[in-house]
Protein backbone atom coordinates (compact mmCIF):
# COMPACT_ATOMS: atom_id res chain seq x y z
CA MET A 1 -13.17 29.91 -35.51
CA ALA A 2 -16.53 30.07 -37.52
CA LEU A 3 -17.67 33.64 -38.61
CA GLN A 4 -19.20 34.10 -35.17
CA ASP A 5 -15.77 34.24 -33.51
CA TYR A 6 -14.54 37.28 -35.29
CA GLY A 7 -15.69 41.05 -34.68
CA THR A 8 -13.81 42.63 -36.90
CA ALA A 9 -12.72 42.77 -40.92
CA LEU A 10 -11.05 45.07 -43.77
CA VAL A 11 -11.91 44.62 -46.95
CA THR A 12 -9.80 46.30 -49.90
CA GLY A 13 -11.24 47.36 -53.02
CA ALA A 14 -14.61 47.40 -51.24
CA SER A 15 -15.98 50.51 -53.44
CA SER A 16 -17.74 47.88 -55.95
CA GLY A 17 -18.53 44.61 -56.94
CA ILE A 18 -17.14 41.58 -55.32
CA GLY A 19 -15.22 44.44 -52.35
CA ALA A 20 -18.75 46.32 -51.77
CA ALA A 21 -20.52 42.91 -51.91
CA THR A 22 -18.72 41.22 -49.26
CA VAL A 23 -18.86 44.57 -47.33
CA ARG A 24 -22.21 44.48 -46.94
CA LEU A 25 -22.66 40.94 -46.16
CA LEU A 26 -20.39 41.15 -43.22
CA ALA A 27 -21.68 44.08 -41.97
CA GLY A 28 -25.15 42.46 -42.42
CA ARG A 29 -23.62 39.62 -39.65
CA GLY A 30 -23.22 42.17 -37.26
CA LEU A 31 -19.37 42.52 -37.48
CA THR A 32 -17.00 46.34 -37.84
CA VAL A 33 -15.86 46.15 -41.46
CA HIS A 34 -13.43 48.45 -42.58
CA ALA A 35 -13.90 49.68 -46.22
CA VAL A 36 -10.63 50.53 -48.16
CA ALA A 37 -10.92 51.83 -51.83
CA ARG A 38 -9.86 54.94 -53.40
CA ARG A 39 -13.31 56.39 -54.54
CA ALA A 40 -14.52 57.84 -51.29
CA GLU A 41 -18.13 59.08 -52.22
CA ARG A 42 -19.00 54.87 -53.08
CA LEU A 43 -17.38 54.38 -49.60
CA ALA A 44 -19.73 56.34 -47.98
CA GLU A 45 -22.68 54.68 -49.37
CA LEU A 46 -21.74 51.27 -47.45
CA THR A 47 -22.45 53.06 -44.21
CA GLU A 48 -26.04 52.38 -44.81
CA HIS A 49 -25.28 48.48 -44.33
CA GLY A 50 -24.34 48.58 -40.81
CA ALA A 51 -21.42 49.62 -38.81
CA VAL A 52 -19.28 50.14 -42.08
CA ILE A 53 -16.18 52.45 -41.37
CA PRO A 54 -14.45 53.95 -44.85
CA HIS A 55 -11.29 54.93 -45.95
CA ALA A 56 -10.32 56.51 -49.06
CA LEU A 57 -6.70 54.84 -49.92
CA ASP A 58 -5.27 53.73 -53.04
CA MET A 59 -3.82 50.58 -52.35
CA ARG A 60 -0.57 51.53 -54.27
CA ASP A 61 0.86 53.96 -51.44
CA ARG A 62 2.74 51.51 -49.60
CA ALA A 63 3.34 54.02 -46.71
CA ALA A 64 -0.24 55.29 -46.54
CA LEU A 65 -1.29 51.62 -46.72
CA TYR A 66 0.84 50.58 -43.04
CA GLU A 67 0.43 53.87 -41.61
CA LEU A 68 -4.05 52.77 -41.91
CA PHE A 69 -3.36 49.27 -41.30
CA GLY A 70 -0.96 49.32 -38.51
CA GLY A 71 -3.32 51.19 -36.37
CA LEU A 72 -6.24 48.54 -36.97
CA GLU A 73 -7.33 45.47 -35.07
CA VAL A 74 -8.35 43.30 -37.56
CA ASP A 75 -9.61 39.48 -37.42
CA ILE A 76 -10.56 39.46 -41.19
CA LEU A 77 -8.79 40.50 -44.22
CA VAL A 78 -10.17 40.33 -47.60
CA ASN A 79 -8.29 41.55 -50.18
CA SER A 80 -10.46 42.29 -53.24
CA ALA A 81 -8.82 45.30 -54.67
CA GLY A 82 -7.61 44.87 -58.51
CA VAL A 83 -7.85 46.07 -61.85
CA GLY A 84 -7.91 44.30 -65.06
CA SER A 85 -4.81 44.48 -67.69
CA GLN A 86 -5.90 45.72 -70.94
CA PHE A 87 -7.39 43.49 -73.85
CA ASP A 88 -4.78 44.56 -76.22
CA PRO A 89 -2.03 42.19 -77.37
CA PHE A 90 0.90 41.43 -74.94
CA HIS A 91 3.77 43.79 -77.31
CA GLU A 92 1.50 46.77 -77.53
CA LEU A 93 0.33 47.16 -73.34
CA ASP A 94 1.22 50.12 -72.43
CA PRO A 95 3.73 50.23 -69.84
CA ASP A 96 2.57 52.23 -67.19
CA LYS A 97 -0.73 49.98 -67.05
CA ILE A 98 1.69 46.73 -66.55
CA ASP A 99 2.78 48.18 -63.86
CA ALA A 100 -0.55 49.39 -62.06
CA THR A 101 -1.63 45.72 -62.76
CA LEU A 102 0.84 44.29 -60.74
CA ASP A 103 1.17 46.74 -58.22
CA THR A 104 -2.37 47.08 -57.13
CA ASN A 105 -3.20 43.13 -57.60
CA VAL A 106 -0.17 41.20 -56.49
CA ALA A 107 2.05 44.46 -54.26
CA GLY A 108 -0.96 46.12 -52.68
CA THR A 109 -2.55 42.40 -51.96
CA VAL A 110 0.63 40.92 -50.67
CA HIS A 111 1.55 44.14 -48.59
CA ALA A 112 -1.97 44.27 -46.88
CA ALA A 113 -1.23 40.71 -45.73
CA ARG A 114 2.09 41.80 -44.27
CA ALA A 115 0.59 44.93 -42.34
CA LEU A 116 -2.50 43.02 -40.59
CA SER A 117 -1.05 39.59 -40.08
CA PRO A 118 1.40 40.06 -37.05
CA GLY A 119 -1.50 41.63 -34.95
CA MET A 120 -3.74 37.95 -36.27
CA VAL A 121 -0.64 36.15 -35.17
CA ALA A 122 -0.34 37.83 -31.48
CA ARG A 123 -4.21 37.53 -30.86
CA ALA A 124 -3.85 33.97 -32.59
CA ARG A 125 -7.17 34.67 -34.70
CA GLY A 126 -7.47 35.76 -38.25
CA HIS A 127 -8.05 34.92 -41.89
CA ILE A 128 -7.04 36.46 -44.83
CA VAL A 129 -9.08 35.62 -48.13
CA ASN A 130 -7.90 36.71 -51.64
CA ILE A 131 -9.33 37.46 -54.10
CA GLY A 132 -7.41 35.23 -57.06
CA SER A 133 -9.37 34.56 -60.30
CA ILE A 134 -9.24 31.59 -63.09
CA PHE A 135 -7.02 33.47 -64.76
CA GLY A 136 -4.13 32.82 -62.25
CA LEU A 137 -4.66 28.77 -62.41
CA HIS A 138 -5.62 28.60 -66.30
CA ALA A 139 -3.74 29.53 -69.39
CA ILE A 140 -6.58 31.86 -70.80
CA SER A 141 -5.39 35.09 -71.83
CA THR A 142 -3.95 38.06 -70.63
CA ALA A 143 -0.46 37.47 -69.44
CA VAL A 144 -0.10 40.43 -67.66
CA TYR A 145 -3.29 40.29 -65.40
CA GLY A 146 -2.82 36.64 -65.69
CA ALA A 147 0.46 36.60 -64.22
CA SER A 148 -0.87 38.67 -61.09
CA LYS A 149 -3.60 36.26 -60.08
CA ALA A 150 -0.85 33.49 -60.09
CA ALA A 151 0.98 35.67 -58.07
CA VAL A 152 -2.16 35.45 -55.77
CA HIS A 153 -2.45 31.91 -55.66
CA ARG A 154 1.18 30.90 -55.06
CA LEU A 155 1.39 33.91 -52.26
CA SER A 156 -2.32 32.25 -50.64
CA GLN A 157 -0.50 28.75 -51.22
CA ASP A 158 2.33 29.22 -49.49
CA LEU A 159 0.91 31.31 -46.79
CA ARG A 160 -0.42 28.60 -45.17
CA HIS A 161 2.94 26.86 -44.67
CA ASP A 162 4.52 30.43 -43.42
CA LEU A 163 1.33 30.71 -40.83
CA LYS A 164 1.29 27.47 -39.63
CA GLY A 165 1.27 26.88 -36.28
CA THR A 166 -0.48 30.68 -35.63
CA GLY A 167 -4.53 29.38 -36.02
CA ILE A 168 -4.50 32.13 -38.62
CA ARG A 169 -6.48 30.31 -41.77
CA VAL A 170 -6.03 31.48 -45.86
CA THR A 171 -8.40 31.31 -48.13
CA GLU A 172 -8.33 31.67 -52.19
CA VAL A 173 -11.31 32.55 -53.77
CA SER A 174 -10.88 32.71 -57.35
CA PRO A 175 -13.84 33.03 -59.91
CA GLY A 176 -14.25 33.44 -63.28
CA ARG A 177 -16.25 36.45 -65.51
CA ALA A 178 -18.38 38.05 -63.01
CA ALA A 179 -20.61 41.04 -63.65
CA THR A 180 -18.60 43.86 -61.95
CA GLU A 181 -16.93 46.96 -62.81
CA ILE A 182 -13.30 45.34 -63.62
CA PHE A 183 -13.43 45.40 -67.50
CA ALA A 184 -13.64 48.93 -67.61
CA THR A 185 -10.61 48.96 -66.49
CA MET A 186 -9.51 46.65 -69.07
CA THR A 187 -11.08 48.59 -71.89
CA ASP A 188 -12.81 51.77 -73.01
CA ASP A 189 -14.36 50.57 -75.97
CA THR A 190 -17.72 49.80 -74.74
CA ALA A 191 -18.71 47.62 -77.19
CA ALA A 192 -15.85 45.21 -76.02
CA GLN A 193 -16.74 45.64 -72.27
CA GLY A 194 -20.78 44.40 -73.23
CA ALA A 195 -19.33 41.69 -75.06
CA MET A 196 -17.66 40.11 -71.82
CA VAL A 197 -21.34 40.25 -70.46
CA ASP A 198 -22.97 38.63 -72.98
CA GLY A 199 -23.56 35.25 -74.35
CA PHE A 200 -24.61 33.44 -71.25
CA GLU A 201 -25.19 33.93 -67.63
CA ILE A 202 -22.15 34.95 -65.94
CA ILE A 203 -21.73 35.27 -62.34
CA THR A 204 -22.57 37.54 -59.85
CA ALA A 205 -20.54 39.84 -57.16
CA ASP A 206 -23.14 38.45 -54.10
CA ASP A 207 -22.29 34.82 -55.96
CA VAL A 208 -18.50 35.37 -54.84
CA ALA A 209 -19.23 37.46 -52.02
CA GLU A 210 -21.27 34.59 -50.63
CA ALA A 211 -18.56 32.19 -51.03
CA VAL A 212 -16.12 34.33 -48.96
CA VAL A 213 -18.58 34.52 -46.18
CA TRP A 214 -19.24 30.81 -46.75
CA ALA A 215 -15.23 30.23 -46.48
CA LEU A 216 -14.90 32.14 -43.33
CA ASP A 217 -18.08 30.48 -41.63
CA GLN A 218 -16.44 27.32 -41.64
CA PRO A 219 -15.39 25.91 -38.01
CA TRP A 220 -11.66 26.43 -37.16
CA ARG A 221 -10.72 23.10 -37.69
CA VAL A 222 -11.53 23.73 -41.31
CA ASN A 223 -9.56 25.67 -43.78
CA VAL A 224 -11.16 25.99 -47.22
CA SER A 225 -7.90 26.51 -49.10
CA LEU A 226 -9.17 27.56 -52.76
CA ILE A 227 -12.60 27.85 -54.25
CA GLU A 228 -12.72 27.97 -58.35
CA LEU A 229 -16.05 29.92 -59.47
CA THR A 230 -17.75 30.49 -62.73
CA ALA A 231 -20.63 30.36 -64.43
CA THR A 232 -22.20 27.23 -65.73
CA GLU A 233 -21.58 27.96 -68.98
CA GLN A 234 -17.84 29.23 -69.09
CA ILE A 235 -15.56 26.24 -68.81
CA PRO A 236 -12.03 27.34 -68.87
CA GLY A 237 -9.46 26.36 -71.37
CA GLY A 238 -9.95 25.30 -75.10
CA VAL A 239 -7.98 26.00 -78.42
CA THR A 240 -8.56 28.67 -80.54
CA ILE A 241 -6.15 28.25 -83.81
CA HIS A 242 -4.78 31.45 -84.95
CA PRO A 243 -2.84 31.20 -88.27
CA VAL A 244 0.10 33.04 -88.27
CA PRO A 245 0.44 35.40 -91.28
CA GLY A 246 3.13 33.93 -93.98
CA ARG A 247 3.03 30.50 -92.77
CA SER A 248 1.32 27.94 -93.97
């Protein structure tokens, strides 16, 4: 099924960044889009772009998630809600922020798919798109965030097995460094936030949203399993030497 065969979508993390960009593109293609995020005022702005229905919801509230999602008929789910882990060394991380990262990035993604997939299966029509990260595909840094996105990668791969024979497609879009608000969730240090977007031209939220829509728009016989999307000058990997104090 190409995008023209779908009528409704639900996008989480829709109040900014990749989520908001995806809402705008899908609404522009004529879909009715349920936009889900915590910030109601930001969601209201999206209604100017087409048939956008805002829902203020914290993805960590499992009961509220199932109550809302269970009453919707949705062809496309775009799991874009996510927060970044701190830049601090792992052994100095705030345990509460660890939980916030895992609950949002992993549990929220899993429960959204669980809540909406039964309806997709019953209608034999649907597409689940999970926004991952190159941090889930490569060992770079930020262990907790990386672990959360690695879980999204494994979920995406295994969902294709679990949903085989249903006609439901599953796609993971894993961007590199992108110009979004996620850096503000990682640190309050504005200099550190700025350093993440300086040095080379990074990709934009619209770039990632375009990749999402491209995957959705493929003919029904095509499942785009994984898209890894980075800036031209961002190369994952490499080695950095950090001498251990007291060791030669």
